[in-house]
Amino acid sequence: MFGDIMGMMGKLKETREKVEATKKRLDTVLIDEQSSDGLLKITLTANRTIKNMEIDEALLKDKEQLEDYLILTLNKAIEKATNVQEAEISAVAKEGMPNIPGMDLFS
C-alpha cells in the first residue's frame, strides 16, 4: 500500500515538473492574429504575453476605431493563446496522472 502511495506521489511530482516545463515552453509558442482587413496585427505567446503589434497608419487617424480594433483583435488572440495553453497543459497533466479509481479529472 505504501509503495503504491509513494509511486503515486513520485508520479505527481514528475507531472508537476512536466507541467512547469510546458509552461516555460509556451513562452516560445507564438500566436498571430489580425483584424479582418489586416490593418492591425498582433503576436503574442501562448502564455498571453504580447510580443509584437503592427498598426496601419489608417487606424491612427481615428482613436475610437483603433480602440475597437485593439479590443476585438486582442480578445481573439488571447482566446487562441488560452486554447493552446489549456490543451498543452491538459495533455501533459492527463498523461502523467496516476490511475486512481474514481478520479477521472480529465475525462
N, C-alpha and C. Protein backbone atom coordinates (compact mmCIF):
# COMPACT_ATOMS: atom_id res chain seq x y z
N MET A 1 0.83 -1.20 0.00
CA MET A 1 0.00 0.00 0.00
C MET A 1 0.87 1.26 0.00
N PHE A 2 1.89 1.31 0.90
CA PHE A 2 2.74 2.48 0.95
C PHE A 2 3.56 2.64 -0.32
N GLY A 3 3.93 1.52 -0.92
CA GLY A 3 4.65 1.56 -2.19
C GLY A 3 3.81 2.22 -3.26
N ASP A 4 2.51 1.88 -3.28
CA ASP A 4 1.60 2.49 -4.25
C ASP A 4 1.48 3.99 -4.03
N ILE A 5 1.37 4.38 -2.77
CA ILE A 5 1.24 5.80 -2.44
C ILE A 5 2.52 6.54 -2.81
N MET A 6 3.66 5.96 -2.49
CA MET A 6 4.93 6.60 -2.82
C MET A 6 5.10 6.70 -4.34
N GLY A 7 4.68 5.67 -5.04
CA GLY A 7 4.75 5.70 -6.51
C GLY A 7 3.87 6.79 -7.09
N MET A 8 2.67 6.92 -6.52
CA MET A 8 1.75 7.97 -6.99
C MET A 8 2.32 9.36 -6.69
N MET A 9 2.90 9.51 -5.51
CA MET A 9 3.47 10.82 -5.14
C MET A 9 4.62 11.17 -6.09
N GLY A 10 5.44 10.19 -6.42
CA GLY A 10 6.53 10.43 -7.37
C GLY A 10 6.00 10.80 -8.74
N LYS A 11 4.95 10.11 -9.16
CA LYS A 11 4.34 10.39 -10.46
C LYS A 11 3.75 11.80 -10.49
N LEU A 12 3.11 12.20 -9.38
CA LEU A 12 2.53 13.54 -9.31
C LEU A 12 3.62 14.61 -9.36
N LYS A 13 4.73 14.38 -8.68
CA LYS A 13 5.85 15.33 -8.71
C LYS A 13 6.41 15.45 -10.12
N GLU A 14 6.56 14.31 -10.77
CA GLU A 14 7.07 14.29 -12.15
C GLU A 14 6.12 15.05 -13.08
N THR A 15 4.82 14.84 -12.88
CA THR A 15 3.82 15.53 -13.71
C THR A 15 3.87 17.03 -13.48
N ARG A 16 4.02 17.44 -12.22
CA ARG A 16 4.09 18.86 -11.90
C ARG A 16 5.31 19.49 -12.59
N GLU A 17 6.42 18.78 -12.60
CA GLU A 17 7.62 19.28 -13.27
C GLU A 17 7.41 19.39 -14.78
N LYS A 18 6.71 18.42 -15.36
CA LYS A 18 6.42 18.46 -16.80
C LYS A 18 5.49 19.62 -17.13
N VAL A 19 4.52 19.88 -16.26
CA VAL A 19 3.60 21.00 -16.48
C VAL A 19 4.38 22.31 -16.44
N GLU A 20 5.28 22.46 -15.48
CA GLU A 20 6.08 23.68 -15.39
C GLU A 20 6.97 23.85 -16.62
N ALA A 21 7.55 22.74 -17.10
CA ALA A 21 8.38 22.80 -18.31
C ALA A 21 7.53 23.19 -19.51
N THR A 22 6.31 22.69 -19.57
CA THR A 22 5.40 23.04 -20.67
C THR A 22 5.05 24.52 -20.62
N LYS A 23 4.81 25.05 -19.43
CA LYS A 23 4.51 26.48 -19.30
C LYS A 23 5.67 27.32 -19.81
N LYS A 24 6.89 26.92 -19.49
CA LYS A 24 8.07 27.64 -19.98
C LYS A 24 8.16 27.56 -21.51
N ARG A 25 7.91 26.36 -22.04
CA ARG A 25 7.98 26.18 -23.49
C ARG A 25 6.93 27.03 -24.20
N LEU A 26 5.78 27.22 -23.57
CA LEU A 26 4.71 28.02 -24.18
C LEU A 26 5.09 29.49 -24.33
N ASP A 27 6.14 29.92 -23.64
CA ASP A 27 6.66 31.28 -23.84
C ASP A 27 7.26 31.44 -25.24
N THR A 28 7.60 30.32 -25.87
CA THR A 28 8.21 30.36 -27.20
C THR A 28 7.21 30.07 -28.32
N VAL A 29 5.99 29.68 -27.96
CA VAL A 29 4.95 29.40 -28.96
C VAL A 29 4.24 30.72 -29.28
N LEU A 30 4.32 31.13 -30.54
CA LEU A 30 3.75 32.42 -30.93
C LEU A 30 2.40 32.25 -31.61
N ILE A 31 1.48 33.13 -31.26
CA ILE A 31 0.14 33.16 -31.83
C ILE A 31 0.02 34.47 -32.60
N ASP A 32 -0.33 34.37 -33.88
CA ASP A 32 -0.53 35.57 -34.71
C ASP A 32 -2.02 35.76 -34.94
N GLU A 33 -2.45 37.00 -34.81
CA GLU A 33 -3.85 37.34 -35.06
C GLU A 33 -3.87 38.69 -35.75
N GLN A 34 -4.86 38.89 -36.60
CA GLN A 34 -5.01 40.18 -37.26
C GLN A 34 -6.47 40.51 -37.44
N SER A 35 -6.74 41.80 -37.62
CA SER A 35 -8.10 42.23 -37.89
C SER A 35 -8.52 41.68 -39.25
N SER A 36 -9.81 41.65 -39.49
CA SER A 36 -10.32 41.05 -40.73
C SER A 36 -9.77 41.75 -41.98
N ASP A 37 -9.45 43.03 -41.89
CA ASP A 37 -8.92 43.75 -43.05
C ASP A 37 -7.39 43.87 -43.02
N GLY A 38 -6.76 43.29 -42.00
CA GLY A 38 -5.30 43.28 -41.92
C GLY A 38 -4.66 44.58 -41.46
N LEU A 39 -5.46 45.54 -41.00
CA LEU A 39 -4.90 46.83 -40.57
C LEU A 39 -4.22 46.75 -39.20
N LEU A 40 -4.54 45.73 -38.43
CA LEU A 40 -3.94 45.55 -37.12
C LEU A 40 -3.47 44.10 -37.01
N LYS A 41 -2.19 43.91 -36.65
CA LYS A 41 -1.63 42.58 -36.49
C LYS A 41 -0.99 42.49 -35.12
N ILE A 42 -1.27 41.38 -34.43
CA ILE A 42 -0.77 41.18 -33.08
C ILE A 42 -0.13 39.80 -32.98
N THR A 43 0.99 39.75 -32.29
CA THR A 43 1.65 38.47 -32.00
C THR A 43 1.82 38.38 -30.49
N LEU A 44 1.40 37.25 -29.92
CA LEU A 44 1.60 37.02 -28.51
C LEU A 44 2.00 35.58 -28.27
N THR A 45 2.52 35.29 -27.09
CA THR A 45 2.91 33.93 -26.76
C THR A 45 1.68 33.16 -26.32
N ALA A 46 1.81 31.83 -26.25
CA ALA A 46 0.71 31.01 -25.76
C ALA A 46 0.47 31.27 -24.27
N ASN A 47 1.40 31.94 -23.61
CA ASN A 47 1.20 32.37 -22.22
C ASN A 47 0.61 33.78 -22.15
N ARG A 48 0.16 34.28 -23.28
CA ARG A 48 -0.57 35.54 -23.39
C ARG A 48 0.27 36.78 -23.08
N THR A 49 1.53 36.76 -23.51
CA THR A 49 2.38 37.94 -23.41
C THR A 49 2.50 38.54 -24.81
N ILE A 50 2.15 39.81 -24.95
CA ILE A 50 2.21 40.46 -26.26
C ILE A 50 3.66 40.63 -26.67
N LYS A 51 3.99 40.20 -27.87
CA LYS A 51 5.36 40.27 -28.39
C LYS A 51 5.51 41.33 -29.48
N ASN A 52 4.46 41.53 -30.26
CA ASN A 52 4.56 42.48 -31.37
C ASN A 52 3.16 42.98 -31.74
N MET A 53 3.14 44.21 -32.23
CA MET A 53 1.89 44.79 -32.70
C MET A 53 2.20 45.71 -33.88
N GLU A 54 1.48 45.53 -34.97
CA GLU A 54 1.63 46.38 -36.15
C GLU A 54 0.30 47.08 -36.40
N ILE A 55 0.35 48.41 -36.43
CA ILE A 55 -0.85 49.22 -36.64
C ILE A 55 -0.69 50.00 -37.94
N ASP A 56 -1.61 49.80 -38.86
CA ASP A 56 -1.59 50.52 -40.12
C ASP A 56 -1.85 52.01 -39.86
N GLU A 57 -1.19 52.85 -40.63
CA GLU A 57 -1.34 54.32 -40.48
C GLU A 57 -2.80 54.76 -40.53
N ALA A 58 -3.62 54.08 -41.31
CA ALA A 58 -5.03 54.48 -41.45
C ALA A 58 -5.77 54.44 -40.11
N LEU A 59 -5.38 53.53 -39.24
CA LEU A 59 -6.05 53.42 -37.95
C LEU A 59 -5.64 54.53 -36.99
N LEU A 60 -4.52 55.17 -37.22
CA LEU A 60 -4.04 56.20 -36.31
C LEU A 60 -4.85 57.50 -36.43
N LYS A 61 -5.65 57.61 -37.45
CA LYS A 61 -6.44 58.82 -37.67
C LYS A 61 -7.75 58.83 -36.88
N ASP A 62 -8.16 57.65 -36.38
CA ASP A 62 -9.45 57.55 -35.69
C ASP A 62 -9.25 56.77 -34.39
N LYS A 63 -9.15 57.49 -33.29
CA LYS A 63 -8.88 56.89 -31.98
C LYS A 63 -9.91 55.84 -31.61
N GLU A 64 -11.18 56.13 -31.81
CA GLU A 64 -12.25 55.21 -31.45
C GLU A 64 -12.17 53.92 -32.26
N GLN A 65 -11.91 54.06 -33.55
CA GLN A 65 -11.78 52.88 -34.42
C GLN A 65 -10.59 52.03 -33.98
N LEU A 66 -9.47 52.68 -33.68
CA LEU A 66 -8.28 51.95 -33.22
C LEU A 66 -8.57 51.19 -31.93
N GLU A 67 -9.25 51.83 -30.99
CA GLU A 67 -9.61 51.16 -29.75
C GLU A 67 -10.47 49.93 -30.00
N ASP A 68 -11.45 50.07 -30.91
CA ASP A 68 -12.30 48.92 -31.26
C ASP A 68 -11.48 47.79 -31.86
N TYR A 69 -10.60 48.13 -32.78
CA TYR A 69 -9.73 47.13 -33.42
C TYR A 69 -8.88 46.42 -32.37
N LEU A 70 -8.28 47.20 -31.46
CA LEU A 70 -7.43 46.61 -30.43
C LEU A 70 -8.22 45.64 -29.55
N ILE A 71 -9.38 46.03 -29.12
CA ILE A 71 -10.19 45.18 -28.26
C ILE A 71 -10.56 43.89 -28.97
N LEU A 72 -11.08 44.00 -30.18
CA LEU A 72 -11.51 42.80 -30.92
C LEU A 72 -10.35 41.87 -31.24
N THR A 73 -9.27 42.44 -31.75
CA THR A 73 -8.14 41.61 -32.19
C THR A 73 -7.40 41.02 -31.00
N LEU A 74 -7.20 41.80 -29.95
CA LEU A 74 -6.56 41.26 -28.75
C LEU A 74 -7.38 40.15 -28.12
N ASN A 75 -8.68 40.33 -28.06
CA ASN A 75 -9.53 39.28 -27.48
C ASN A 75 -9.46 37.99 -28.30
N LYS A 76 -9.45 38.10 -29.62
CA LYS A 76 -9.32 36.89 -30.46
C LYS A 76 -7.97 36.22 -30.23
N ALA A 77 -6.92 37.00 -30.15
CA ALA A 77 -5.58 36.46 -29.94
C ALA A 77 -5.46 35.80 -28.56
N ILE A 78 -6.00 36.44 -27.56
CA ILE A 78 -5.95 35.89 -26.20
C ILE A 78 -6.74 34.58 -26.13
N GLU A 79 -7.87 34.54 -26.79
CA GLU A 79 -8.68 33.31 -26.81
C GLU A 79 -7.90 32.16 -27.47
N LYS A 80 -7.26 32.44 -28.60
CA LYS A 80 -6.45 31.41 -29.27
C LYS A 80 -5.31 30.94 -28.36
N ALA A 81 -4.61 31.88 -27.74
CA ALA A 81 -3.49 31.54 -26.87
C ALA A 81 -3.96 30.71 -25.67
N THR A 82 -5.08 31.09 -25.11
CA THR A 82 -5.64 30.35 -23.97
C THR A 82 -5.97 28.92 -24.37
N ASN A 83 -6.57 28.75 -25.55
CA ASN A 83 -6.92 27.41 -26.02
C ASN A 83 -5.68 26.55 -26.21
N VAL A 84 -4.63 27.12 -26.78
CA VAL A 84 -3.37 26.39 -26.97
C VAL A 84 -2.79 26.01 -25.61
N GLN A 85 -2.72 26.97 -24.71
CA GLN A 85 -2.15 26.73 -23.39
C GLN A 85 -2.92 25.65 -22.64
N GLU A 86 -4.24 25.75 -22.62
CA GLU A 86 -5.05 24.77 -21.89
C GLU A 86 -4.90 23.37 -22.49
N ALA A 87 -4.86 23.27 -23.81
CA ALA A 87 -4.72 21.97 -24.46
C ALA A 87 -3.37 21.34 -24.14
N GLU A 88 -2.32 22.13 -24.19
CA GLU A 88 -0.97 21.62 -23.92
C GLU A 88 -0.82 21.17 -22.47
N ILE A 89 -1.25 21.99 -21.55
CA ILE A 89 -1.09 21.65 -20.14
C ILE A 89 -1.99 20.48 -19.76
N SER A 90 -3.20 20.46 -20.29
CA SER A 90 -4.11 19.36 -20.02
C SER A 90 -3.54 18.04 -20.52
N ALA A 91 -2.95 18.05 -21.70
CA ALA A 91 -2.38 16.83 -22.26
C ALA A 91 -1.24 16.31 -21.39
N VAL A 92 -0.37 17.20 -20.93
CA VAL A 92 0.75 16.80 -20.08
C VAL A 92 0.23 16.29 -18.74
N ALA A 93 -0.72 16.98 -18.16
CA ALA A 93 -1.25 16.59 -16.85
C ALA A 93 -1.98 15.25 -16.95
N LYS A 94 -2.77 15.08 -17.98
CA LYS A 94 -3.52 13.83 -18.13
C LYS A 94 -2.58 12.65 -18.33
N GLU A 95 -1.54 12.85 -19.11
CA GLU A 95 -0.56 11.80 -19.38
C GLU A 95 0.14 11.34 -18.10
N GLY A 96 0.38 12.27 -17.20
CA GLY A 96 1.16 11.95 -16.02
C GLY A 96 0.36 11.60 -14.78
N MET A 97 -0.94 11.69 -14.86
CA MET A 97 -1.74 11.41 -13.67
C MET A 97 -1.77 9.92 -13.39
N PRO A 98 -1.61 9.54 -12.12
CA PRO A 98 -1.73 8.12 -11.77
C PRO A 98 -3.18 7.68 -11.94
N ASN A 99 -3.36 6.42 -12.20
CA ASN A 99 -4.70 5.88 -12.39
C ASN A 99 -5.32 5.59 -11.03
N ILE A 100 -6.11 6.54 -10.54
CA ILE A 100 -6.77 6.40 -9.25
C ILE A 100 -8.26 6.18 -9.51
N PRO A 101 -8.80 5.05 -9.11
CA PRO A 101 -10.22 4.79 -9.34
C PRO A 101 -11.10 5.91 -8.81
N GLY A 102 -12.05 6.33 -9.62
CA GLY A 102 -12.98 7.38 -9.24
C GLY A 102 -12.45 8.79 -9.40
N MET A 103 -11.22 8.94 -9.89
CA MET A 103 -10.62 10.26 -10.04
C MET A 103 -10.40 10.58 -11.51
N ASP A 104 -11.43 10.59 -12.28
CA ASP A 104 -11.34 10.90 -13.71
C ASP A 104 -11.40 12.41 -13.89
N LEU A 105 -10.31 13.10 -13.57
CA LEU A 105 -10.27 14.55 -13.60
C LEU A 105 -10.27 15.12 -15.00
N PHE A 106 -9.74 14.39 -15.96
CA PHE A 106 -9.55 14.94 -17.29
C PHE A 106 -10.37 14.19 -18.34
N SER A 107 -11.52 13.70 -17.96
CA SER A 107 -12.35 12.96 -18.92
C SER A 107 -13.21 13.88 -19.72
